[in-house]
Structures are given as structure tokens and as C-alpha cells.
């Protein structure tokens, strides 16, 4: 499942949340520190696991 990084405009803290794509699209994310819904998603790095194939 994807990890999403958010920034809370109310308490000025960042936090991460693991959500399915359906959860991300359906629900309004709340800050775990203050409970505010004034959050915005941040750009963050991602990683992908691939299998190494020989030539």
C-alpha cells in the first residue's frame, strides 16, 4: 500500500499515513496530532521493487 505524506496547516506538523488508493480518494484525512482536516498532501519520494533479470 502507498505511503502518503501530509502537512497540517493548523499545527504545522508533517505526518505519514498508509492508505489504499480507494481510501485516499474517498476519505478526508485528519491530522493525528490535532485532529484538523486542514491538511495538504506533500510531494515525497517513492521506491519500487523490481526483479532483476539477467540478459
PDB file of N, CA and C in Angstrom:
ATOM      1  N   UNK A   1       0.839  -1.187   0.000  1.00  0.00           N
ATOM      2  CA  UNK A   1       0.000   0.000   0.000  1.00  0.00           C
ATOM      3  C   UNK A   1       0.881   1.246   0.000  1.00  0.00           C
ATOM      4  N   UNK A   2       0.413   2.284  -0.646  1.00  0.00           N
ATOM      5  CA  UNK A   2       1.204   3.516  -0.720  1.00  0.00           C
ATOM      6  C   UNK A   2       1.268   4.265   0.604  1.00  0.00           C
ATOM      7  N   UNK A   3       2.416   4.890   0.823  1.00  0.00           N
ATOM      8  CA  UNK A   3       2.608   5.787   1.972  1.00  0.00           C
ATOM      9  C   UNK A   3       2.386   7.209   1.457  1.00  0.00           C
ATOM     10  N   UNK A   4       1.575   7.971   2.154  1.00  0.00           N
ATOM     11  CA  UNK A   4       1.323   9.355   1.778  1.00  0.00           C
ATOM     12  C   UNK A   4       1.845  10.267   2.880  1.00  0.00           C
ATOM     13  N   UNK A   5       2.434  11.381   2.483  1.00  0.00           N
ATOM     14  CA  UNK A   5       2.946  12.360   3.436  1.00  0.00           C
ATOM     15  C   UNK A   5       2.053  13.600   3.388  1.00  0.00           C
ATOM     16  N   UNK A   6       1.672  14.092   4.558  1.00  0.00           N
ATOM     17  CA  UNK A   6       0.776  15.230   4.661  1.00  0.00           C
ATOM     18  C   UNK A   6       1.380  16.307   5.552  1.00  0.00           C
ATOM     19  N   UNK A   7       0.933  17.547   5.351  1.00  0.00           N
ATOM     20  CA  UNK A   7       1.303  18.676   6.185  1.00  0.00           C
ATOM     21  C   UNK A   7       0.025  19.285   6.744  1.00  0.00           C
ATOM     22  N   UNK A   8      -0.028  19.471   8.068  1.00  0.00           N
ATOM     23  CA  UNK A   8      -1.195  20.061   8.719  1.00  0.00           C
ATOM     24  C   UNK A   8      -1.007  21.572   8.789  1.00  0.00           C
ATOM     25  N   UNK A   9      -1.946  22.305   8.221  1.00  0.00           N
ATOM     26  CA  UNK A   9      -1.879  23.769   8.238  1.00  0.00           C
ATOM     27  C   UNK A   9      -2.217  24.333   9.614  1.00  0.00           C
ATOM     28  N   UNK A  10      -2.954  23.573  10.423  1.00  0.00           N
ATOM     29  CA  UNK A  10      -3.371  24.050  11.742  1.00  0.00           C
ATOM     30  C   UNK A  10      -2.228  23.998  12.755  1.00  0.00           C
ATOM     31  N   UNK A  11      -1.550  22.840  12.867  1.00  0.00           N
ATOM     32  CA  UNK A  11      -0.488  22.699  13.877  1.00  0.00           C
ATOM     33  C   UNK A  11       0.912  22.709  13.278  1.00  0.00           C
ATOM     34  N   UNK A  12       0.998  22.836  11.941  1.00  0.00           N
ATOM     35  CA  UNK A  12       2.286  22.954  11.234  1.00  0.00           C
ATOM     36  C   UNK A  12       3.172  21.719  11.385  1.00  0.00           C
ATOM     37  N   UNK A  13       2.586  20.535  11.479  1.00  0.00           N
ATOM     38  CA  UNK A  13       3.363  19.303  11.588  1.00  0.00           C
ATOM     39  C   UNK A  13       3.137  18.437  10.363  1.00  0.00           C
ATOM     40  N   UNK A  14       4.153  17.640  10.030  1.00  0.00           N
ATOM     41  CA  UNK A  14       4.015  16.681   8.938  1.00  0.00           C
ATOM     42  C   UNK A  14       3.777  15.300   9.532  1.00  0.00           C
ATOM     43  N   UNK A  15       3.103  14.463   8.745  1.00  0.00           N
ATOM     44  CA  UNK A  15       2.857  13.096   9.173  1.00  0.00           C
ATOM     45  C   UNK A  15       2.666  12.219   7.949  1.00  0.00           C
ATOM     46  N   UNK A  16       2.848  10.918   8.147  1.00  0.00           N
ATOM     47  CA  UNK A  16       2.664   9.944   7.083  1.00  0.00           C
ATOM     48  C   UNK A  16       1.477   9.066   7.401  1.00  0.00           C
ATOM     49  N   UNK A  17       0.829   8.610   6.346  1.00  0.00           N
ATOM     50  CA  UNK A  17      -0.298   7.711   6.513  1.00  0.00           C
ATOM     51  C   UNK A  17      -0.237   6.667   5.410  1.00  0.00           C
ATOM     52  N   UNK A  18      -0.547   5.429   5.740  1.00  0.00           N
ATOM     53  CA  UNK A  18      -0.610   4.359   4.755  1.00  0.00           C
ATOM     54  C   UNK A  18      -2.073   4.178   4.389  1.00  0.00           C
ATOM     55  N   UNK A  19      -2.387   4.412   3.122  1.00  0.00           N
ATOM     56  CA  UNK A  19      -3.765   4.326   2.648  1.00  0.00           C
ATOM     57  C   UNK A  19      -3.810   3.566   1.332  1.00  0.00           C
ATOM     58  N   UNK A  20      -4.895   2.845   1.118  1.00  0.00           N
ATOM     59  CA  UNK A  20      -5.114   2.283  -0.214  1.00  0.00           C
ATOM     60  C   UNK A  20      -5.509   3.439  -1.118  1.00  0.00           C
ATOM     61  N   UNK A  21      -5.460   3.230  -2.399  1.00  0.00           N
ATOM     62  CA  UNK A  21      -5.828   4.304  -3.320  1.00  0.00           C
ATOM     63  C   UNK A  21      -7.305   4.662  -3.153  1.00  0.00           C
ATOM     64  N   UNK A  22      -8.146   3.676  -2.878  1.00  0.00           N
ATOM     65  CA  UNK A  22      -9.574   3.927  -2.672  1.00  0.00           C
ATOM     66  C   UNK A  22      -9.795   4.769  -1.414  1.00  0.00           C
ATOM     67  N   UNK A  23      -9.064   4.449  -0.329  1.00  0.00           N
ATOM     68  CA  UNK A  23      -9.185   5.232   0.908  1.00  0.00           C
ATOM     69  C   UNK A  23      -8.707   6.664   0.685  1.00  0.00           C
ATOM     70  N   UNK A  24      -7.620   6.806  -0.048  1.00  0.00           N
ATOM     71  CA  UNK A  24      -7.064   8.132  -0.316  1.00  0.00           C
ATOM     72  C   UNK A  24      -8.068   9.000  -1.067  1.00  0.00           C
ATOM     73  N   UNK A  25      -8.755   8.407  -2.033  1.00  0.00           N
ATOM     74  CA  UNK A  25      -9.722   9.155  -2.834  1.00  0.00           C
ATOM     75  C   UNK A  25     -11.023   9.418  -2.085  1.00  0.00           C
ATOM     76  N   UNK A  26     -11.405   8.518  -1.180  1.00  0.00           N
ATOM     77  CA  UNK A  26     -12.722   8.590  -0.554  1.00  0.00           C
ATOM     78  C   UNK A  26     -12.773   9.433   0.716  1.00  0.00           C
ATOM     79  N   UNK A  27     -11.748   9.359   1.534  1.00  0.00           N
ATOM     80  CA  UNK A  27     -11.867   9.991   2.850  1.00  0.00           C
ATOM     81  C   UNK A  27     -11.047  11.263   2.977  1.00  0.00           C
ATOM     82  N   UNK A  28     -11.514  12.130   3.850  1.00  0.00           N
ATOM     83  CA  UNK A  28     -10.793  13.363   4.178  1.00  0.00           C
ATOM     84  C   UNK A  28      -9.824  13.021   5.307  1.00  0.00           C
ATOM     85  N   UNK A  29      -8.544  13.222   5.089  1.00  0.00           N
ATOM     86  CA  UNK A  29      -7.519  12.857   6.060  1.00  0.00           C
ATOM     87  C   UNK A  29      -7.473  13.858   7.205  1.00  0.00           C
ATOM     88  N   UNK A  30      -7.395  13.337   8.420  1.00  0.00           N
ATOM     89  CA  UNK A  30      -7.303  14.176   9.621  1.00  0.00           C
ATOM     90  C   UNK A  30      -5.894  14.076  10.192  1.00  0.00           C
ATOM     91  N   UNK A  31      -5.423  15.149  10.768  1.00  0.00           N
ATOM     92  CA  UNK A  31      -4.113  15.187  11.408  1.00  0.00           C
ATOM     93  C   UNK A  31      -4.148  14.347  12.687  1.00  0.00           C
ATOM     94  N   UNK A  32      -3.189  13.440  12.869  1.00  0.00           N
ATOM     95  CA  UNK A  32      -3.168  12.630  14.087  1.00  0.00           C
ATOM     96  C   UNK A  32      -2.731  13.420  15.323  1.00  0.00           C
ATOM     97  N   UNK A  33      -2.129  14.599  15.109  1.00  0.00           N
ATOM     98  CA  UNK A  33      -1.651  15.415  16.227  1.00  0.00           C
ATOM     99  C   UNK A  33      -2.757  16.288  16.820  1.00  0.00           C
ATOM    100  N   UNK A  34      -3.533  16.941  15.938  1.00  0.00           N
ATOM    101  CA  UNK A  34      -4.548  17.888  16.438  1.00  0.00           C
ATOM    102  C   UNK A  34      -5.970  17.571  15.974  1.00  0.00           C
ATOM    103  N   UNK A  35      -6.122  16.638  15.029  1.00  0.00           N
ATOM    104  CA  UNK A  35      -7.446  16.253  14.554  1.00  0.00           C
ATOM    105  C   UNK A  35      -8.009  17.142  13.452  1.00  0.00           C
ATOM    106  N   UNK A  36      -7.262  18.147  13.031  1.00  0.00           N
ATOM    107  CA  UNK A  36      -7.726  19.072  11.998  1.00  0.00           C
ATOM    108  C   UNK A  36      -7.796  18.382  10.641  1.00  0.00           C
ATOM    109  N   UNK A  37      -8.726  18.824   9.808  1.00  0.00           N
ATOM    110  CA  UNK A  37      -8.833  18.337   8.431  1.00  0.00           C
ATOM    111  C   UNK A  37      -8.189  19.309   7.449  1.00  0.00           C
ATOM    112  N   UNK A  38      -7.499  20.331   7.965  1.00  0.00           N
ATOM    113  CA  UNK A  38      -6.804  21.302   7.120  1.00  0.00           C
ATOM    114  C   UNK A  38      -5.418  20.768   6.774  1.00  0.00           C
ATOM    115  N   UNK A  39      -5.383  19.693   6.005  1.00  0.00           N
ATOM    116  CA  UNK A  39      -4.113  19.070   5.640  1.00  0.00           C
ATOM    117  C   UNK A  39      -3.952  19.089   4.130  1.00  0.00           C
ATOM    118  N   UNK A  40      -2.708  19.127   3.702  1.00  0.00           N
ATOM    119  CA  UNK A  40      -2.429  19.033   2.277  1.00  0.00           C
ATOM    120  C   UNK A  40      -1.374  17.960   2.058  1.00  0.00           C
ATOM    121  N   UNK A  41      -1.508  17.274   0.957  1.00  0.00           N
ATOM    122  CA  UNK A  41      -0.574  16.209   0.636  1.00  0.00           C
ATOM    123  C   UNK A  41       0.724  16.809   0.129  1.00  0.00           C
ATOM    124  N   UNK A  42       1.842  16.291   0.606  1.00  0.00           N
ATOM    125  CA  UNK A  42       3.169  16.770   0.206  1.00  0.00           C
ATOM    126  C   UNK A  42       3.730  15.868  -0.887  1.00  0.00           C
ATOM    127  N   UNK A  43       4.639  16.433  -1.645  1.00  0.00           N
ATOM    128  CA  UNK A  43       5.390  15.625  -2.593  1.00  0.00           C
ATOM    129  C   UNK A  43       6.408  14.833  -1.803  1.00  0.00           C
ATOM    130  N   UNK A  44       6.549  13.575  -2.110  1.00  0.00           N
ATOM    131  CA  UNK A  44       7.533  12.759  -1.407  1.00  0.00           C
ATOM    132  C   UNK A  44       8.145  11.756  -2.370  1.00  0.00           C
ATOM    133  N   UNK A  45       9.286  11.227  -1.968  1.00  0.00           N
ATOM    134  CA  UNK A  45       9.977  10.229  -2.786  1.00  0.00           C
ATOM    135  C   UNK A  45       9.238   8.914  -2.724  1.00  0.00           C
ATOM    136  N   UNK A  46       9.464   8.094  -3.710  1.00  0.00           N
ATOM    137  CA  UNK A  46       8.857   6.769  -3.704  1.00  0.00           C
ATOM    138  C   UNK A  46       9.901   5.754  -4.120  1.00  0.00           C
ATOM    139  N   UNK A  47       9.625   4.512  -3.835  1.00  0.00           N
ATOM    140  CA  UNK A  47      10.539   3.455  -4.255  1.00  0.00           C
ATOM    141  C   UNK A  47       9.734   2.344  -4.893  1.00  0.00           C
ATOM    142  N   UNK A  48      10.376   1.616  -5.760  1.00  0.00           N
ATOM    143  CA  UNK A  48       9.730   0.492  -6.436  1.00  0.00           C
ATOM    144  C   UNK A  48      10.640  -0.722  -6.338  1.00  0.00           C
ATOM    145  N   UNK A  49      10.041  -1.849  -6.091  1.00  0.00           N
ATOM    146  CA  UNK A  49      10.786  -3.093  -6.023  1.00  0.00           C
ATOM    147  C   UNK A  49      10.557  -3.831  -7.339  1.00  0.00           C
ATOM    148  N   UNK A  50      11.656  -4.144  -8.009  1.00  0.00           N
ATOM    149  CA  UNK A  50      11.560  -4.866  -9.278  1.00  0.00           C
ATOM    150  C   UNK A  50      12.460  -6.085  -9.209  1.00  0.00           C
ATOM    151  N   UNK A  51      12.180  -7.025 -10.060  1.00  0.00           N
ATOM    152  CA  UNK A  51      13.045  -8.206 -10.107  1.00  0.00           C
ATOM    153  C   UNK A  51      14.157  -7.938 -11.101  1.00  0.00           C
ATOM    154  N   UNK A  52      15.342  -8.401 -10.759  1.00  0.00           N
ATOM    155  CA  UNK A  52      16.487  -8.211 -11.648  1.00  0.00           C
ATOM    156  C   UNK A  52      16.537  -9.414 -12.588  1.00  0.00           C
ATOM    157  N   UNK A  53      16.532  -9.133 -13.863  1.00  0.00           N
ATOM    158  CA  UNK A  53      16.561 -10.201 -14.866  1.00  0.00           C
ATOM    159  C   UNK A  53      17.916 -10.210 -15.552  1.00  0.00           C
ATOM    160  N   UNK A  54      18.428 -11.389 -15.799  1.00  0.00           N
ATOM    161  CA  UNK A  54      19.713 -11.499 -16.473  1.00  0.00           C
ATOM    162  C   UNK A  54      19.495 -11.437 -17.988  1.00  0.00           C
ATOM    163  N   UNK A  55      20.504 -10.958 -18.685  1.00  0.00           N
ATOM    164  CA  UNK A  55      20.379 -10.801 -20.150  1.00  0.00           C
ATOM    165  C   UNK A  55      20.734 -12.032 -20.890  1.00  0.00           C
TER     166      UNK A  55
END
